[in-house]
PDB file of all heavy atoms in Angstrom:
ATOM      1  N   LEU A   1     105.284 135.487 155.133  1.00  0.00           N
ATOM      2  CA  LEU A   1     105.828 134.173 155.468  1.00  0.00           C
ATOM      3  C   LEU A   1     105.247 133.080 154.567  1.00  0.00           C
ATOM      4  O   LEU A   1     105.578 131.915 154.723  1.00  0.00           O
ATOM      5  CB  LEU A   1     105.496 133.830 156.926  1.00  0.00           C
ATOM      6  CG  LEU A   1     106.113 134.724 157.992  1.00  0.00           C
ATOM      7  CD1 LEU A   1     105.518 134.402 159.363  1.00  0.00           C
ATOM      8  CD2 LEU A   1     107.617 134.545 158.019  1.00  0.00           C
ATOM      9  N   VAL A   2     104.388 133.469 153.626  1.00  0.00           N
ATOM     10  CA  VAL A   2     103.629 132.504 152.831  1.00  0.00           C
ATOM     11  C   VAL A   2     104.310 132.231 151.487  1.00  0.00           C
ATOM     12  O   VAL A   2     104.588 133.149 150.726  1.00  0.00           O
ATOM     13  CB  VAL A   2     102.198 133.021 152.572  1.00  0.00           C
ATOM     14  CG1 VAL A   2     101.405 132.024 151.766  1.00  0.00           C
ATOM     15  CG2 VAL A   2     101.502 133.336 153.881  1.00  0.00           C
ATOM     16  N   SER A   3     104.570 130.965 151.226  1.00  0.00           N
ATOM     17  CA  SER A   3     105.033 130.538 149.903  1.00  0.00           C
ATOM     18  C   SER A   3     103.793 130.240 149.071  1.00  0.00           C
ATOM     19  O   SER A   3     102.911 129.491 149.507  1.00  0.00           O
ATOM     20  CB  SER A   3     105.896 129.289 150.000  1.00  0.00           C
ATOM     21  OG  SER A   3     107.097 129.571 150.656  1.00  0.00           O
ATOM     22  N   LYS A   4     103.736 130.818 147.868  1.00  0.00           N
ATOM     23  CA  LYS A   4     102.565 130.647 147.010  1.00  0.00           C
ATOM     24  C   LYS A   4     102.904 129.720 145.839  1.00  0.00           C
ATOM     25  O   LYS A   4     103.941 129.872 145.210  1.00  0.00           O
ATOM     26  CB  LYS A   4     102.111 132.001 146.479  1.00  0.00           C
ATOM     27  CG  LYS A   4     101.659 132.935 147.579  1.00  0.00           C
ATOM     28  CD  LYS A   4     101.321 134.309 147.036  1.00  0.00           C
ATOM     29  CE  LYS A   4     100.911 135.233 148.146  1.00  0.00           C
ATOM     30  NZ  LYS A   4     102.006 135.812 148.861  1.00  0.00           N
ATOM     31  N   PRO A   5     102.002 128.797 145.531  1.00  0.00           N
ATOM     32  CA  PRO A   5     102.232 127.919 144.383  1.00  0.00           C
ATOM     33  C   PRO A   5     102.069 128.699 143.076  1.00  0.00           C
ATOM     34  O   PRO A   5     101.139 129.493 142.935  1.00  0.00           O
ATOM     35  CB  PRO A   5     101.139 126.853 144.531  1.00  0.00           C
ATOM     36  CG  PRO A   5     100.059 127.525 145.313  1.00  0.00           C
ATOM     37  CD  PRO A   5     100.749 128.506 146.211  1.00  0.00           C
ATOM     38  N   VAL A   6     103.018 128.515 142.145  1.00  0.00           N
ATOM     39  CA  VAL A   6     102.946 129.259 140.889  1.00  0.00           C
ATOM     40  C   VAL A   6     103.020 128.382 139.642  1.00  0.00           C
ATOM     41  O   VAL A   6     102.650 128.823 138.574  1.00  0.00           O
ATOM     42  CB  VAL A   6     104.050 130.341 140.810  1.00  0.00           C
ATOM     43  CG1 VAL A   6     103.798 131.428 141.838  1.00  0.00           C
ATOM     44  CG2 VAL A   6     105.434 129.764 140.983  1.00  0.00           C
ATOM     45  N   LYS A   7     103.504 127.181 139.761  1.00  0.00           N
ATOM     46  CA  LYS A   7     103.624 126.323 138.585  1.00  0.00           C
ATOM     47  C   LYS A   7     102.871 125.016 138.820  1.00  0.00           C
ATOM     48  O   LYS A   7     103.409 124.050 139.333  1.00  0.00           O
ATOM     49  CB  LYS A   7     105.096 126.038 138.273  1.00  0.00           C
ATOM     50  CG  LYS A   7     105.844 127.262 137.809  1.00  0.00           C
ATOM     51  CD  LYS A   7     107.264 126.927 137.418  1.00  0.00           C
ATOM     52  CE  LYS A   7     107.981 128.175 136.938  1.00  0.00           C
ATOM     53  NZ  LYS A   7     109.357 127.904 136.559  1.00  0.00           N
ATOM     54  N   TYR A   8     101.591 125.060 138.447  1.00  0.00           N
ATOM     55  CA  TYR A   8     100.735 123.883 138.535  1.00  0.00           C
ATOM     56  C   TYR A   8      99.655 124.010 137.466  1.00  0.00           C
ATOM     57  O   TYR A   8      99.488 125.068 136.865  1.00  0.00           O
ATOM     58  CB  TYR A   8     100.128 123.739 139.936  1.00  0.00           C
ATOM     59  CG  TYR A   8      99.226 124.881 140.348  1.00  0.00           C
ATOM     60  CD1 TYR A   8      97.851 124.826 140.139  1.00  0.00           C
ATOM     61  CD2 TYR A   8      99.746 126.031 140.935  1.00  0.00           C
ATOM     62  CE1 TYR A   8      97.022 125.876 140.504  1.00  0.00           C
ATOM     63  CE2 TYR A   8      98.918 127.078 141.310  1.00  0.00           C
ATOM     64  CZ  TYR A   8      97.571 126.995 141.101  1.00  0.00           C
ATOM     65  OH  TYR A   8      96.748 128.040 141.455  1.00  0.00           O
ATOM     66  N   ASP A   9      98.931 122.953 137.204  1.00  0.00           N
ATOM     67  CA  ASP A   9      97.887 122.945 136.179  1.00  0.00           C
ATOM     68  C   ASP A   9      96.650 123.685 136.701  1.00  0.00           C
ATOM     69  O   ASP A   9      95.812 123.113 137.389  1.00  0.00           O
ATOM     70  CB  ASP A   9      97.549 121.502 135.814  1.00  0.00           C
ATOM     71  CG  ASP A   9      96.560 121.394 134.672  1.00  0.00           C
ATOM     72  OD1 ASP A   9      95.980 122.427 134.262  1.00  0.00           O
ATOM     73  OD2 ASP A   9      96.374 120.267 134.180  1.00  0.00           O
ATOM     74  N   GLU A  10      96.559 124.985 136.372  1.00  0.00           N
ATOM     75  CA  GLU A  10      95.463 125.817 136.884  1.00  0.00           C
ATOM     76  C   GLU A  10      94.101 125.432 136.299  1.00  0.00           C
ATOM     77  O   GLU A  10      93.068 125.745 136.884  1.00  0.00           O
ATOM     78  CB  GLU A  10      95.761 127.293 136.632  1.00  0.00           C
ATOM     79  CG  GLU A  10      96.930 127.785 137.473  1.00  0.00           C
ATOM     80  CD  GLU A  10      97.169 129.276 137.337  1.00  0.00           C
ATOM     81  OE1 GLU A  10      96.178 130.036 137.266  1.00  0.00           O
ATOM     82  OE2 GLU A  10      98.341 129.672 137.298  1.00  0.00           O
ATOM     83  N   SER A  11      94.081 124.779 135.158  1.00  0.00           N
ATOM     84  CA  SER A  11      92.800 124.369 134.580  1.00  0.00           C
ATOM     85  C   SER A  11      92.215 123.169 135.326  1.00  0.00           C
ATOM     86  O   SER A  11      91.007 123.009 135.410  1.00  0.00           O
ATOM     87  CB  SER A  11      92.957 124.039 133.100  1.00  0.00           C
ATOM     88  OG  SER A  11      93.838 122.941 132.933  1.00  0.00           O
ATOM     89  N   LYS A  12      93.079 122.349 135.901  1.00  0.00           N
ATOM     90  CA  LYS A  12      92.662 121.134 136.590  1.00  0.00           C
ATOM     91  C   LYS A  12      92.667 121.291 138.120  1.00  0.00           C
ATOM     92  O   LYS A  12      91.936 120.597 138.822  1.00  0.00           O
ATOM     93  CB  LYS A  12      93.616 120.003 136.188  1.00  0.00           C
ATOM     94  CG  LYS A  12      93.358 118.672 136.816  1.00  0.00           C
ATOM     95  CD  LYS A  12      94.391 117.650 136.347  1.00  0.00           C
ATOM     96  CE  LYS A  12      94.304 116.373 137.147  1.00  0.00           C
ATOM     97  NZ  LYS A  12      95.369 115.428 136.818  1.00  0.00           N
ATOM     98  N   CYS A  13      93.494 122.222 138.623  1.00  0.00           N
ATOM     99  CA  CYS A  13      93.722 122.316 140.066  1.00  0.00           C
ATOM    100  C   CYS A  13      93.435 123.720 140.597  1.00  0.00           C
ATOM    101  O   CYS A  13      93.412 124.692 139.844  1.00  0.00           O
ATOM    102  CB  CYS A  13      95.175 121.959 140.381  1.00  0.00           C
ATOM    103  SG  CYS A  13      95.655 120.336 139.750  1.00  0.00           S
ATOM    104  N   GLU A  14      93.243 123.803 141.911  1.00  0.00           N
ATOM    105  CA  GLU A  14      93.057 125.094 142.570  1.00  0.00           C
ATOM    106  C   GLU A  14      93.889 125.141 143.841  1.00  0.00           C
ATOM    107  O   GLU A  14      94.131 124.117 144.478  1.00  0.00           O
ATOM    108  CB  GLU A  14      91.588 125.347 142.874  1.00  0.00           C
ATOM    109  CG  GLU A  14      90.983 124.392 143.882  1.00  0.00           C
ATOM    110  CD  GLU A  14      89.501 124.639 144.116  1.00  0.00           C
ATOM    111  OE1 GLU A  14      89.005 125.719 143.766  1.00  0.00           O
ATOM    112  OE2 GLU A  14      88.839 123.725 144.640  1.00  0.00           O
ATOM    113  N   LYS A  15      94.308 126.359 144.203  1.00  0.00           N
ATOM    114  CA  LYS A  15      95.080 126.520 145.439  1.00  0.00           C
ATOM    115  C   LYS A  15      94.124 126.916 146.561  1.00  0.00           C
ATOM    116  O   LYS A  15      93.163 127.660 146.356  1.00  0.00           O
ATOM    117  CB  LYS A  15      96.184 127.561 145.264  1.00  0.00           C
ATOM    118  CG  LYS A  15      95.708 128.942 144.915  1.00  0.00           C
ATOM    119  CD  LYS A  15      96.890 129.869 144.675  1.00  0.00           C
ATOM    120  CE  LYS A  15      96.396 131.251 144.268  1.00  0.00           C
ATOM    121  NZ  LYS A  15      97.493 132.162 143.965  1.00  0.00           N
ATOM    122  N   ILE A  16      94.394 126.386 147.750  1.00  0.00           N
ATOM    123  CA  ILE A  16      93.580 126.661 148.933  1.00  0.00           C
ATOM    124  C   ILE A  16      94.516 127.176 150.029  1.00  0.00           C
ATOM    125  O   ILE A  16      95.518 126.527 150.342  1.00  0.00           O
ATOM    126  CB  ILE A  16      92.843 125.399 149.416  1.00  0.00           C
ATOM    127  CG1 ILE A  16      91.912 124.894 148.315  1.00  0.00           C
ATOM    128  CG2 ILE A  16      92.086 125.674 150.710  1.00  0.00           C
ATOM    129  CD1 ILE A  16      91.267 123.565 148.597  1.00  0.00           C
ATOM    130  N   PHE A  17      94.176 128.354 150.588  1.00  0.00           N
ATOM    131  CA  PHE A  17      95.009 128.958 151.623  1.00  0.00           C
ATOM    132  C   PHE A  17      94.539 128.519 153.006  1.00  0.00           C
ATOM    133  O   PHE A  17      93.347 128.504 153.288  1.00  0.00           O
ATOM    134  CB  PHE A  17      94.962 130.486 151.532  1.00  0.00           C
ATOM    135  CG  PHE A  17      95.828 131.165 152.552  1.00  0.00           C
ATOM    136  CD1 PHE A  17      97.202 131.023 152.525  1.00  0.00           C
ATOM    137  CD2 PHE A  17      95.266 131.947 153.541  1.00  0.00           C
ATOM    138  CE1 PHE A  17      98.009 131.641 153.456  1.00  0.00           C
ATOM    139  CE2 PHE A  17      96.060 132.578 154.482  1.00  0.00           C
ATOM    140  CZ  PHE A  17      97.432 132.415 154.441  1.00  0.00           C
ATOM    141  N   HIS A  18      95.502 128.179 153.881  1.00  0.00           N
ATOM    142  CA  HIS A  18      95.226 127.765 155.257  1.00  0.00           C
ATOM    143  C   HIS A  18      95.813 128.818 156.196  1.00  0.00           C
ATOM    144  O   HIS A  18      97.017 128.840 156.443  1.00  0.00           O
ATOM    145  CB  HIS A  18      95.840 126.393 155.541  1.00  0.00           C
ATOM    146  CG  HIS A  18      95.432 125.355 154.546  1.00  0.00           C
ATOM    147  ND1 HIS A  18      94.210 124.726 154.577  1.00  0.00           N
ATOM    148  CD2 HIS A  18      96.087 124.863 153.470  1.00  0.00           C
ATOM    149  CE1 HIS A  18      94.131 123.878 153.569  1.00  0.00           C
ATOM    150  NE2 HIS A  18      95.256 123.941 152.875  1.00  0.00           N
ATOM    151  N   GLN A  19      94.955 129.705 156.698  1.00  0.00           N
ATOM    152  CA  GLN A  19      95.381 130.819 157.552  1.00  0.00           C
ATOM    153  C   GLN A  19      96.105 130.336 158.809  1.00  0.00           C
ATOM    154  O   GLN A  19      97.095 130.925 159.226  1.00  0.00           O
ATOM    155  CB  GLN A  19      94.162 131.666 157.941  1.00  0.00           C
ATOM    156  CG  GLN A  19      94.474 132.837 158.840  1.00  0.00           C
ATOM    157  CD  GLN A  19      95.148 133.983 158.109  1.00  0.00           C
ATOM    158  OE1 GLN A  19      94.877 134.220 156.941  1.00  0.00           O
ATOM    159  NE2 GLN A  19      96.019 134.694 158.798  1.00  0.00           N
ATOM    160  N   GLU A  20      95.625 129.253 159.402  1.00  0.00           N
ATOM    161  CA  GLU A  20      96.195 128.780 160.666  1.00  0.00           C
ATOM    162  C   GLU A  20      97.649 128.309 160.529  1.00  0.00           C
ATOM    163  O   GLU A  20      98.413 128.359 161.493  1.00  0.00           O
ATOM    164  CB  GLU A  20      95.327 127.680 161.292  1.00  0.00           C
ATOM    165  CG  GLU A  20      95.186 126.406 160.475  1.00  0.00           C
ATOM    166  CD  GLU A  20      94.169 126.478 159.330  1.00  0.00           C
ATOM    167  OE1 GLU A  20      93.482 127.514 159.180  1.00  0.00           O
ATOM    168  OE2 GLU A  20      94.073 125.497 158.581  1.00  0.00           O
ATOM    169  N   THR A  21      98.048 127.864 159.336  1.00  0.00           N
ATOM    170  CA  THR A  21      99.429 127.409 159.120  1.00  0.00           C
ATOM    171  C   THR A  21     100.186 128.305 158.134  1.00  0.00           C
ATOM    172  O   THR A  21     101.347 128.027 157.816  1.00  0.00           O
ATOM    173  CB  THR A  21      99.452 125.960 158.599  1.00  0.00           C
ATOM    174  OG1 THR A  21      98.721 125.893 157.369  1.00  0.00           O
ATOM    175  CG2 THR A  21      98.874 125.000 159.623  1.00  0.00           C
ATOM    176  N   CYS A  22      99.522 129.338 157.640  1.00  0.00           N
ATOM    177  CA  CYS A  22     100.135 130.256 156.663  1.00  0.00           C
ATOM    178  C   CYS A  22     100.694 129.485 155.465  1.00  0.00           C
ATOM    179  O   CYS A  22     101.833 129.683 155.041  1.00  0.00           O
ATOM    180  CB  CYS A  22     101.238 131.099 157.311  1.00  0.00           C
ATOM    181  SG  CYS A  22     100.644 132.171 158.632  1.00  0.00           S
ATOM    182  N   SER A  23      99.887 128.583 154.939  1.00  0.00           N
ATOM    183  CA  SER A  23     100.353 127.751 153.830  1.00  0.00           C
ATOM    184  C   SER A  23      99.227 127.497 152.820  1.00  0.00           C
ATOM    185  O   SER A  23      98.054 127.703 153.115  1.00  0.00           O
ATOM    186  CB  SER A  23     100.871 126.413 154.366  1.00  0.00           C
ATOM    187  OG  SER A  23      99.821 125.694 154.980  1.00  0.00           O
ATOM    188  N   PHE A  24      99.640 127.056 151.627  1.00  0.00           N
ATOM    189  CA  PHE A  24      98.702 126.683 150.575  1.00  0.00           C
ATOM    190  C   PHE A  24      98.798 125.187 150.314  1.00  0.00           C
ATOM    191  O   PHE A  24      99.873 124.592 150.467  1.00  0.00           O
ATOM    192  CB  PHE A  24      99.054 127.382 149.246  1.00  0.00           C
ATOM    193  CG  PHE A  24      98.588 128.796 149.141  1.00  0.00           C
ATOM    194  CD1 PHE A  24      99.436 129.835 149.469  1.00  0.00           C
ATOM    195  CD2 PHE A  24      97.309 129.098 148.689  1.00  0.00           C
ATOM    196  CE1 PHE A  24      99.027 131.148 149.351  1.00  0.00           C
ATOM    197  CE2 PHE A  24      96.888 130.413 148.566  1.00  0.00           C
ATOM    198  CZ  PHE A  24      97.754 131.441 148.901  1.00  0.00           C
ATOM    199  N   THR A  25      97.691 124.598 149.903  1.00  0.00           N
ATOM    200  CA  THR A  25      97.710 123.280 149.283  1.00  0.00           C
ATOM    201  C   THR A  25      97.094 123.457 147.904  1.00  0.00           C
ATOM    202  O   THR A  25      96.306 124.379 147.674  1.00  0.00           O
ATOM    203  CB  THR A  25      96.908 122.226 150.080  1.00  0.00           C
ATOM    204  OG1 THR A  25      95.583 122.705 150.282  1.00  0.00           O
ATOM    205  CG2 THR A  25      97.560 121.923 151.407  1.00  0.00           C
ATOM    206  N   VAL A  26      97.471 122.596 146.995  1.00  0.00           N
ATOM    207  CA  VAL A  26      96.918 122.629 145.643  1.00  0.00           C
ATOM    208  C   VAL A  26      96.245 121.279 145.406  1.00  0.00           C
ATOM    209  O   VAL A  26      96.876 120.232 145.519  1.00  0.00           O
ATOM    210  CB  VAL A  26      98.019 122.900 144.587  1.00  0.00           C
ATOM    211  CG1 VAL A  26      97.408 122.935 143.190  1.00  0.00           C
ATOM    212  CG2 VAL A  26      98.743 124.208 144.901  1.00  0.00           C
ATOM    213  N   VAL A  27      94.935 121.342 145.118  1.00  0.00           N
ATOM    214  CA  VAL A  27      94.138 120.127 144.973  1.00  0.00           C
ATOM    215  C   VAL A  27      93.375 120.151 143.650  1.00  0.00           C
ATOM    216  O   VAL A  27      93.180 121.208 143.051  1.00  0.00           O
ATOM    217  CB  VAL A  27      93.126 119.973 146.137  1.00  0.00           C
ATOM    218  CG1 VAL A  27      93.850 119.821 147.466  1.00  0.00           C
ATOM    219  CG2 VAL A  27      92.156 121.142 146.186  1.00  0.00           C
ATOM    220  N   GLU A  28      92.941 118.972 143.242  1.00  0.00           N
ATOM    221  CA  GLU A  28      92.142 118.877 142.030  1.00  0.00           C
ATOM    222  C   GLU A  28      90.777 119.524 142.272  1.00  0.00           C
ATOM    223  O   GLU A  28      90.183 119.346 143.333  1.00  0.00           O
ATOM    224  CB  GLU A  28      91.960 117.421 141.606  1.00  0.00           C
ATOM    225  CG  GLU A  28      93.222 116.786 141.073  1.00  0.00           C
ATOM    226  CD  GLU A  28      92.989 115.386 140.537  1.00  0.00           C
ATOM    227  OE1 GLU A  28      91.814 114.906 140.513  1.00  0.00           O
ATOM    228  OE2 GLU A  28      93.978 114.769 140.111  1.00  0.00           O
ATOM    229  N   LYS A  29      90.296 120.266 141.269  1.00  0.00           N
ATOM    230  CA  LYS A  29      88.992 120.916 141.388  1.00  0.00           C
ATOM    231  C   LYS A  29      87.872 119.890 141.504  1.00  0.00           C
ATOM    232  O   LYS A  29      86.931 120.068 142.286  1.00  0.00           O
ATOM    233  CB  LYS A  29      88.736 121.819 140.175  1.00  0.00           C
ATOM    234  CG  LYS A  29      89.631 123.030 140.123  1.00  0.00           C
ATOM    235  CD  LYS A  29      89.381 123.833 138.849  1.00  0.00           C
ATOM    236  CE  LYS A  29      90.318 125.022 138.763  1.00  0.00           C
ATOM    237  NZ  LYS A  29      90.132 125.767 137.499  1.00  0.00           N
ATOM    238  N   ASP A  30      87.955 118.811 140.729  1.00  0.00           N
ATOM    239  CA  ASP A  30      86.908 117.796 140.716  1.00  0.00           C
ATOM    240  C   ASP A  30      87.022 116.795 141.864  1.00  0.00           C
ATOM    241  O   ASP A  30      86.056 116.085 142.165  1.00  0.00           O
ATOM    242  CB  ASP A  30      86.930 117.028 139.390  1.00  0.00           C
ATOM    243  CG  ASP A  30      86.560 117.912 138.207  1.00  0.00           C
ATOM    244  OD1 ASP A  30      85.865 118.936 138.427  1.00  0.00           O
ATOM    245  OD2 ASP A  30      86.971 117.596 137.077  1.00  0.00           O
ATOM    246  N   ASN A  31      88.209 116.715 142.487  1.00  0.00           N
ATOM    247  CA  ASN A  31      88.429 115.776 143.578  1.00  0.00           C
ATOM    248  C   ASN A  31      89.363 116.420 144.606  1.00  0.00           C
ATOM    249  O   ASN A  31      90.561 116.147 144.612  1.00  0.00           O
ATOM    250  CB  ASN A  31      89.029 114.463 143.054  1.00  0.00           C
ATOM    251  CG  ASN A  31      89.195 113.431 144.150  1.00  0.00           C
ATOM    252  OD1 ASN A  31      88.801 113.643 145.291  1.00  0.00           O
ATOM    253  ND2 ASN A  31      89.793 112.299 143.792  1.00  0.00           N
ATOM    254  N   PRO A  32      88.828 117.280 145.479  1.00  0.00           N
ATOM    255  CA  PRO A  32      89.663 118.015 146.437  1.00  0.00           C
ATOM    256  C   PRO A  32      90.450 117.130 147.407  1.00  0.00           C
ATOM    257  O   PRO A  32      91.351 117.613 148.077  1.00  0.00           O
ATOM    258  CB  PRO A  32      88.662 118.887 147.201  1.00  0.00           C
ATOM    259  CG  PRO A  32      87.472 118.975 146.312  1.00  0.00           C
ATOM    260  CD  PRO A  32      87.433 117.693 145.542  1.00  0.00           C
TER     261      PRO A  32
END
């Protein structure tokens, strides 16, 4: 049921998985 992020700036950002909502957010590594 999980949509995964695939097109984002991986050098600047990271994906974070949220088990309780079965979802990802993508945030800046230096400023989450």
